[in-house]
Amino acid sequence: MDPRIVCLLLVSVFAPSLSLNAHQAKPAARITVMGVVFCDICSNNTFSRHSYFLPGNTNST
């Protein structure tokens, strides 16, 4: 068998596995933000007689 064909076959077999190892993606960063959310009325402390809190309400983004 021609040595050029053997070389071409070897390169075609091992090249994809080498390229995958060289270009592995970094894992995505995980960020957790904790805090308190206030509406404008709560932050300005301007409650009216019609203002009320919703029981069991959760906020998530």
C-alpha atoms as a PDB file:
ATOM      1  CA  MET A   1       0.000   0.000   0.000  1.00  0.00           C
ATOM      2  CA  ASP A   2       1.245   3.487  -0.797  1.00  0.00           C
ATOM      3  CA  PRO A   3       2.756   5.265   2.280  1.00  0.00           C
ATOM      4  CA  ARG A   4       0.937   8.488   1.373  1.00  0.00           C
ATOM      5  CA  ILE A   5      -2.424   6.727   1.592  1.00  0.00           C
ATOM      6  CA  VAL A   6      -1.513   5.193   4.951  1.00  0.00           C
ATOM      7  CA  CYS A   7      -0.423   8.593   6.236  1.00  0.00           C
ATOM      8  CA  LEU A   8      -3.635  10.204   4.971  1.00  0.00           C
ATOM      9  CA  LEU A   9      -5.743   7.526   6.670  1.00  0.00           C
ATOM     10  CA  LEU A  10      -3.910   7.944   9.974  1.00  0.00           C
ATOM     11  CA  VAL A  11      -4.288  11.717   9.882  1.00  0.00           C
ATOM     12  CA  SER A  12      -7.995  11.458   9.054  1.00  0.00           C
ATOM     13  CA  VAL A  13      -8.533   9.081  11.993  1.00  0.00           C
ATOM     14  CA  PHE A  14      -6.602  11.034  14.653  1.00  0.00           C
ATOM     15  CA  ALA A  15      -7.172  14.659  13.569  1.00  0.00           C
ATOM     16  CA  PRO A  16     -10.791  14.984  14.817  1.00  0.00           C
ATOM     17  CA  SER A  17      -9.954  13.663  18.285  1.00  0.00           C
ATOM     18  CA  LEU A  18      -6.996  16.038  18.598  1.00  0.00           C
ATOM     19  CA  SER A  19      -9.040  19.050  17.555  1.00  0.00           C
ATOM     20  CA  LEU A  20     -11.773  18.255  20.102  1.00  0.00           C
ATOM     21  CA  ASN A  21      -9.262  18.121  22.948  1.00  0.00           C
ATOM     22  CA  ALA A  22      -7.685  21.408  21.938  1.00  0.00           C
ATOM     23  CA  HIS A  23     -10.963  23.364  21.745  1.00  0.00           C
ATOM     24  CA  GLN A  24     -12.943  22.261  24.774  1.00  0.00           C
ATOM     25  CA  ALA A  25     -15.407  24.886  25.885  1.00  0.00           C
ATOM     26  CA  LYS A  26     -15.068  26.337  29.359  1.00  0.00           C
ATOM     27  CA  PRO A  27     -17.994  25.560  31.654  1.00  0.00           C
ATOM     28  CA  ALA A  28     -20.486  28.368  32.056  1.00  0.00           C
ATOM     29  CA  ALA A  29     -20.118  30.460  35.201  1.00  0.00           C
ATOM     30  CA  ARG A  30     -22.824  30.166  37.815  1.00  0.00           C
ATOM     31  CA  ILE A  31     -23.792  33.401  39.521  1.00  0.00           C
ATOM     32  CA  THR A  32     -26.307  33.738  42.335  1.00  0.00           C
ATOM     33  CA  VAL A  33     -27.641  37.170  43.240  1.00  0.00           C
ATOM     34  CA  MET A  34     -29.449  37.589  46.527  1.00  0.00           C
ATOM     35  CA  GLY A  35     -31.276  40.663  47.686  1.00  0.00           C
ATOM     36  CA  VAL A  36     -34.596  42.294  48.474  1.00  0.00           C
ATOM     37  CA  VAL A  37     -37.016  43.706  45.920  1.00  0.00           C
ATOM     38  CA  PHE A  38     -39.148  46.709  46.781  1.00  0.00           C
ATOM     39  CA  CYS A  39     -41.781  48.415  44.698  1.00  0.00           C
ATOM     40  CA  ASP A  40     -41.693  52.219  44.369  1.00  0.00           C
ATOM     41  CA  ILE A  41     -44.352  52.659  47.047  1.00  0.00           C
ATOM     42  CA  CYS A  42     -42.386  50.527  49.531  1.00  0.00           C
ATOM     43  CA  SER A  43     -39.070  52.234  48.848  1.00  0.00           C
ATOM     44  CA  ASN A  44     -40.595  55.720  49.158  1.00  0.00           C
ATOM     45  CA  ASN A  45     -42.632  54.686  52.241  1.00  0.00           C
ATOM     46  CA  THR A  46     -45.792  56.172  50.740  1.00  0.00           C
ATOM     47  CA  PHE A  47     -48.528  53.719  51.692  1.00  0.00           C
ATOM     48  CA  SER A  48     -52.157  54.603  51.159  1.00  0.00           C
ATOM     49  CA  ARG A  49     -55.271  53.002  52.584  1.00  0.00           C
ATOM     50  CA  HIS A  50     -55.465  50.936  49.375  1.00  0.00           C
ATOM     51  CA  SER A  51     -51.917  49.529  49.749  1.00  0.00           C
ATOM     52  CA  TYR A  52     -51.475  45.948  50.935  1.00  0.00           C
ATOM     53  CA  PHE A  53     -48.938  43.121  50.748  1.00  0.00           C
ATOM     54  CA  LEU A  54     -49.709  40.007  48.743  1.00  0.00           C
ATOM     55  CA  PRO A  55     -49.307  36.941  50.974  1.00  0.00           C
ATOM     56  CA  GLY A  56     -47.112  34.157  49.575  1.00  0.00           C
ATOM     57  CA  ASN A  57     -45.741  36.311  46.778  1.00  0.00           C
ATOM     58  CA  THR A  58     -42.249  35.477  45.474  1.00  0.00           C
ATOM     59  CA  ASN A  59     -40.052  37.306  43.010  1.00  0.00           C
ATOM     60  CA  SER A  60     -37.544  35.632  40.748  1.00  0.00           C
ATOM     61  CA  THR A  61     -35.657  36.700  37.680  1.00  0.00           C
END
